[in-house]
Amino acid sequence: MVETTGSKQKRQGFQPGQSGNPAGRPKGSRHAALLALDAIGQEAAADVLRKVVEDAKGGDLRASEILLRRLWPERKGRPIALDLPPLEKAADVVAGLAVVAAAMASGDLTPDEASAVAGVLEGQRRAIETNDLEARLAALEAAAVKS
């Protein structure tokens, strides 16, 4: 018979969920080395910014691009004008999707833009179907109450 030490070991004094070091590092505190690196970075940041501005004024296009991207971030999308049919029935969404596909095929929309518009149309289809199902259910319940 092989003897194990499991039965001989005693449970330590800490209960489940209790910290082994309750007086340990406070939440949110940071290591001294990281604090020192942050201080160096903050001191250097002003100098770096001054140099980039100076280079941009001197005609450095890369420095200008860095500044402009920080001052005026790129837009995440653009307004899209599509001649969509009225979307009153779920079947109308098919015609709407055909318009989106044609716009993408002609290059008026990027595939990402077409996908985003198709997602909106899909949401519209689900809303129409939910509304239709709710009306049908209400009609069935009303008929069941009358009989």
C-alpha atoms as a PDB file:
ATOM      1  CA  MET A   1       0.000   0.000   0.000  1.00  0.00           C
ATOM      2  CA  VAL A   2       1.315   3.429  -0.974  1.00  0.00           C
ATOM      3  CA  GLU A   3       1.027   6.014   1.747  1.00  0.00           C
ATOM      4  CA  THR A   4       0.165   9.563   0.760  1.00  0.00           C
ATOM      5  CA  THR A   5       0.797  12.693   2.721  1.00  0.00           C
ATOM      6  CA  GLY A   6      -2.641  14.177   2.050  1.00  0.00           C
ATOM      7  CA  SER A   7      -4.158  12.862   5.232  1.00  0.00           C
ATOM      8  CA  LYS A   8      -1.185  14.054   7.293  1.00  0.00           C
ATOM      9  CA  GLN A   9      -1.237  17.631   6.039  1.00  0.00           C
ATOM     10  CA  LYS A  10      -3.134  20.208   8.036  1.00  0.00           C
ATOM     11  CA  ARG A  11      -5.061  23.047   6.493  1.00  0.00           C
ATOM     12  CA  GLN A  12      -3.307  26.390   6.829  1.00  0.00           C
ATOM     13  CA  GLY A  13      -4.840  29.193   8.880  1.00  0.00           C
ATOM     14  CA  PHE A  14      -6.433  31.039   5.948  1.00  0.00           C
ATOM     15  CA  GLN A  15     -10.052  30.523   5.051  1.00  0.00           C
ATOM     16  CA  PRO A  16     -11.200  30.434   1.411  1.00  0.00           C
ATOM     17  CA  GLY A  17     -11.517  33.999   0.133  1.00  0.00           C
ATOM     18  CA  GLN A  18      -9.254  35.410   2.819  1.00  0.00           C
ATOM     19  CA  SER A  19      -6.060  37.098   1.668  1.00  0.00           C
ATOM     20  CA  GLY A  20      -2.769  35.579   2.723  1.00  0.00           C
ATOM     21  CA  ASN A  21      -1.445  39.104   3.162  1.00  0.00           C
ATOM     22  CA  PRO A  22      -4.269  41.435   4.235  1.00  0.00           C
ATOM     23  CA  ALA A  23      -1.813  44.299   4.816  1.00  0.00           C
ATOM     24  CA  GLY A  24      -0.327  43.923   1.311  1.00  0.00           C
ATOM     25  CA  ARG A  25       0.010  46.476  -1.464  1.00  0.00           C
ATOM     26  CA  PRO A  26      -3.025  48.792  -1.605  1.00  0.00           C
ATOM     27  CA  LYS A  27      -5.233  48.665  -4.689  1.00  0.00           C
ATOM     28  CA  GLY A  28      -4.141  51.099  -7.363  1.00  0.00           C
ATOM     29  CA  SER A  29      -0.592  51.486  -6.078  1.00  0.00           C
ATOM     30  CA  ARG A  30       2.198  51.142  -8.627  1.00  0.00           C
ATOM     31  CA  HIS A  31       5.736  49.843  -8.544  1.00  0.00           C
ATOM     32  CA  ALA A  32       8.398  52.498  -7.889  1.00  0.00           C
ATOM     33  CA  ALA A  33      10.187  51.701 -11.176  1.00  0.00           C
ATOM     34  CA  LEU A  34       7.005  52.344 -13.173  1.00  0.00           C
ATOM     35  CA  LEU A  35       6.469  55.625 -11.356  1.00  0.00           C
ATOM     36  CA  ALA A  36      10.012  56.679 -12.255  1.00  0.00           C
ATOM     37  CA  LEU A  37       9.485  55.757 -15.919  1.00  0.00           C
ATOM     38  CA  ASP A  38       6.256  57.767 -15.986  1.00  0.00           C
ATOM     39  CA  ALA A  39       8.054  60.807 -14.567  1.00  0.00           C
ATOM     40  CA  ILE A  40      10.786  60.546 -17.222  1.00  0.00           C
ATOM     41  CA  GLY A  41       8.138  60.174 -19.931  1.00  0.00           C
ATOM     42  CA  GLN A  42       6.223  63.233 -18.750  1.00  0.00           C
ATOM     43  CA  GLU A  43       9.387  65.349 -18.737  1.00  0.00           C
ATOM     44  CA  ALA A  44      10.347  64.184 -22.226  1.00  0.00           C
ATOM     45  CA  ALA A  45       6.818  64.495 -23.671  1.00  0.00           C
ATOM     46  CA  ALA A  46       6.924  68.292 -23.706  1.00  0.00           C
ATOM     47  CA  ASP A  47      10.298  68.271 -25.474  1.00  0.00           C
ATOM     48  CA  VAL A  48       9.114  65.717 -28.031  1.00  0.00           C
ATOM     49  CA  LEU A  49       5.953  67.711 -28.736  1.00  0.00           C
ATOM     50  CA  ARG A  50       7.981  70.910 -29.184  1.00  0.00           C
ATOM     51  CA  LYS A  51      10.292  69.135 -31.646  1.00  0.00           C
ATOM     52  CA  VAL A  52       7.393  67.675 -33.680  1.00  0.00           C
ATOM     53  CA  VAL A  53       5.728  71.099 -33.904  1.00  0.00           C
ATOM     54  CA  GLU A  54       9.033  72.673 -34.927  1.00  0.00           C
ATOM     55  CA  ASP A  55       9.591  70.013 -37.620  1.00  0.00           C
ATOM     56  CA  ALA A  56       6.020  70.422 -38.901  1.00  0.00           C
ATOM     57  CA  LYS A  57       6.524  74.188 -39.201  1.00  0.00           C
ATOM     58  CA  GLY A  58       9.763  73.455 -41.057  1.00  0.00           C
ATOM     59  CA  GLY A  59       7.901  71.457 -43.700  1.00  0.00           C
ATOM     60  CA  ASP A  60       8.285  67.879 -42.397  1.00  0.00           C
ATOM     61  CA  LEU A  61       5.143  66.196 -43.732  1.00  0.00           C
ATOM     62  CA  ARG A  62       5.402  63.224 -41.369  1.00  0.00           C
ATOM     63  CA  ALA A  63       5.503  65.552 -38.352  1.00  0.00           C
ATOM     64  CA  SER A  64       2.517  67.451 -39.782  1.00  0.00           C
ATOM     65  CA  GLU A  65       0.619  64.193 -40.212  1.00  0.00           C
ATOM     66  CA  ILE A  66       1.330  63.195 -36.597  1.00  0.00           C
ATOM     67  CA  LEU A  67      -0.032  66.503 -35.332  1.00  0.00           C
ATOM     68  CA  LEU A  68      -3.063  66.558 -37.606  1.00  0.00           C
ATOM     69  CA  ARG A  69      -4.061  62.996 -36.661  1.00  0.00           C
ATOM     70  CA  ARG A  70      -4.055  64.041 -33.003  1.00  0.00           C
ATOM     71  CA  LEU A  71      -5.912  67.309 -33.556  1.00  0.00           C
ATOM     72  CA  TRP A  72      -8.467  66.033 -36.090  1.00  0.00           C
ATOM     73  CA  PRO A  73      -8.869  62.253 -35.876  1.00  0.00           C
ATOM     74  CA  GLU A  74     -10.109  60.438 -38.961  1.00  0.00           C
ATOM     75  CA  ARG A  75     -13.844  60.014 -39.160  1.00  0.00           C
ATOM     76  CA  LYS A  76     -15.145  56.515 -38.661  1.00  0.00           C
ATOM     77  CA  GLY A  77     -17.647  56.547 -41.451  1.00  0.00           C
ATOM     78  CA  ARG A  78     -19.301  59.029 -43.741  1.00  0.00           C
ATOM     79  CA  PRO A  79     -22.839  59.927 -44.692  1.00  0.00           C
ATOM     80  CA  ILE A  80     -24.127  57.630 -47.415  1.00  0.00           C
ATOM     81  CA  ALA A  81     -26.893  58.635 -49.829  1.00  0.00           C
ATOM     82  CA  LEU A  82     -28.793  55.682 -51.280  1.00  0.00           C
ATOM     83  CA  ASP A  83     -32.111  55.691 -53.085  1.00  0.00           C
ATOM     84  CA  LEU A  84     -33.717  52.954 -50.973  1.00  0.00           C
ATOM     85  CA  PRO A  85     -37.340  51.932 -51.494  1.00  0.00           C
ATOM     86  CA  PRO A  86     -39.774  52.411 -48.601  1.00  0.00           C
ATOM     87  CA  LEU A  87     -39.226  49.565 -46.145  1.00  0.00           C
ATOM     88  CA  GLU A  88     -42.743  48.759 -44.995  1.00  0.00           C
ATOM     89  CA  LYS A  89     -42.752  44.966 -45.399  1.00  0.00           C
ATOM     90  CA  ALA A  90     -40.024  42.402 -44.823  1.00  0.00           C
ATOM     91  CA  ALA A  91     -40.047  41.699 -48.569  1.00  0.00           C
ATOM     92  CA  ASP A  92     -39.112  45.359 -49.220  1.00  0.00           C
ATOM     93  CA  VAL A  93     -35.779  44.744 -47.512  1.00  0.00           C
ATOM     94  CA  VAL A  94     -34.802  42.449 -50.400  1.00  0.00           C
ATOM     95  CA  ALA A  95     -35.112  45.384 -52.804  1.00  0.00           C
ATOM     96  CA  GLY A  96     -33.134  47.549 -50.383  1.00  0.00           C
ATOM     97  CA  LEU A  97     -30.345  44.995 -50.208  1.00  0.00           C
ATOM     98  CA  ALA A  98     -30.268  44.894 -54.020  1.00  0.00           C
ATOM     99  CA  VAL A  99     -29.672  48.671 -54.050  1.00  0.00           C
ATOM    100  CA  VAL A 100     -26.836  48.267 -51.534  1.00  0.00           C
ATOM    101  CA  ALA A 101     -25.240  45.451 -53.555  1.00  0.00           C
ATOM    102  CA  ALA A 102     -25.451  47.506 -56.742  1.00  0.00           C
ATOM    103  CA  ALA A 103     -23.861  50.510 -55.033  1.00  0.00           C
ATOM    104  CA  MET A 104     -21.015  48.326 -53.790  1.00  0.00           C
ATOM    105  CA  ALA A 105     -20.560  46.747 -57.218  1.00  0.00           C
ATOM    106  CA  SER A 106     -20.330  50.179 -58.860  1.00  0.00           C
ATOM    107  CA  GLY A 107     -17.780  51.371 -56.291  1.00  0.00           C
ATOM    108  CA  ASP A 108     -20.048  53.953 -54.654  1.00  0.00           C
ATOM    109  CA  LEU A 109     -19.822  52.005 -51.369  1.00  0.00           C
ATOM    110  CA  THR A 110     -16.910  50.098 -49.909  1.00  0.00           C
ATOM    111  CA  PRO A 111     -17.598  46.517 -48.806  1.00  0.00           C
ATOM    112  CA  ASP A 112     -17.409  47.685 -45.162  1.00  0.00           C
ATOM    113  CA  GLU A 113     -19.951  50.444 -45.796  1.00  0.00           C
ATOM    114  CA  ALA A 114     -22.237  48.043 -47.665  1.00  0.00           C
ATOM    115  CA  SER A 115     -22.005  45.598 -44.781  1.00  0.00           C
ATOM    116  CA  ALA A 116     -22.909  48.321 -42.283  1.00  0.00           C
ATOM    117  CA  VAL A 117     -25.933  49.430 -44.339  1.00  0.00           C
ATOM    118  CA  ALA A 118     -27.008  45.796 -44.805  1.00  0.00           C
ATOM    119  CA  GLY A 119     -26.853  45.390 -41.015  1.00  0.00           C
ATOM    120  CA  VAL A 120     -29.195  48.357 -40.586  1.00  0.00           C
ATOM    121  CA  LEU A 121     -31.565  46.898 -43.175  1.00  0.00           C
ATOM    122  CA  GLU A 122     -31.472  43.553 -41.365  1.00  0.00           C
ATOM    123  CA  GLY A 123     -32.439  45.332 -38.141  1.00  0.00           C
ATOM    124  CA  GLN A 124     -35.324  46.992 -39.979  1.00  0.00           C
ATOM    125  CA  ARG A 125     -36.458  43.597 -41.310  1.00  0.00           C
ATOM    126  CA  ARG A 126     -36.435  42.082 -37.830  1.00  0.00           C
ATOM    127  CA  ALA A 127     -38.410  45.044 -36.470  1.00  0.00           C
ATOM    128  CA  ILE A 128     -41.009  44.694 -39.243  1.00  0.00           C
ATOM    129  CA  GLU A 129     -41.311  40.941 -38.673  1.00  0.00           C
ATOM    130  CA  THR A 130     -41.618  41.386 -34.904  1.00  0.00           C
ATOM    131  CA  ASN A 131     -44.335  43.986 -35.398  1.00  0.00           C
ATOM    132  CA  ASP A 132     -46.179  41.706 -37.847  1.00  0.00           C
ATOM    133  CA  LEU A 133     -45.951  38.725 -35.471  1.00  0.00           C
ATOM    134  CA  GLU A 134     -47.232  40.837 -32.600  1.00  0.00           C
ATOM    135  CA  ALA A 135     -50.250  41.949 -34.676  1.00  0.00           C
ATOM    136  CA  ARG A 136     -50.983  38.365 -35.775  1.00  0.00           C
ATOM    137  CA  LEU A 137     -50.709  37.105 -32.185  1.00  0.00           C
ATOM    138  CA  ALA A 138     -53.054  39.826 -30.936  1.00  0.00           C
ATOM    139  CA  ALA A 139     -55.585  38.903 -33.665  1.00  0.00           C
ATOM    140  CA  LEU A 140     -55.398  35.209 -32.728  1.00  0.00           C
ATOM    141  CA  GLU A 141     -55.852  35.981 -29.029  1.00  0.00           C
ATOM    142  CA  ALA A 142     -58.828  38.210 -29.797  1.00  0.00           C
ATOM    143  CA  ALA A 143     -60.382  35.440 -31.925  1.00  0.00           C
ATOM    144  CA  ALA A 144     -59.792  32.888 -29.170  1.00  0.00           C
ATOM    145  CA  VAL A 145     -61.509  35.098 -26.593  1.00  0.00           C
ATOM    146  CA  LYS A 146     -64.605  35.534 -28.841  1.00  0.00           C
ATOM    147  CA  SER A 147     -65.060  31.783 -29.317  1.00  0.00           C
END
